[in-house]
């Protein structure tokens, strides 16, 4: 693993998440701002992958399918952008409901879990097809399904943060 990946993950992953929590992930965000941010984020993370591919630091070993740019499968950009946005949404929601400031240290444990869940879950169709040696038509269908799941999760994030409008930010504990 190249050493430049360490600052890549520390700054190019965490900074967008922190900026989205501060400026985008809020109940009054417009749909247009939400979707434009997602698409720009997909362009950004896709552009960040190309130098590593051209330097042969990593490569995508499966057939990139119909939708690719210089061997970079475009579904990866949508999936990485969804992961960043979903991570911001879930940290925001957990911070404003269950965890709060008094339990903020839990984010050290929860953030990697959130990242893995939001990145891996929508990738299951393409990962399954890529590792099964499926023909290119099935691989393209699986890539489309992955992008569809990414768009669904981005939409769900918008719905979830808007649902919080007017709700109590502190959790209510009910006796059993």
Foldseek 3Di string as FASTA:
>chain_A
DDPVVVVCCVPVQVVLLVVCLVPPLAQPHDPVVLVVQLVVQLVVVVVVVVVCVVVPVDADPFQLADQDDPRHNSLLSLLSSLLSLQLSLVVNLCCQEPQDPVNVVCCVVVSVVSSCCSRVVLLVLLVVCRVVVHDRVSNVVSSVSSSVVSVVSSVVSNVVNNVCVPPHSYYDDDDD
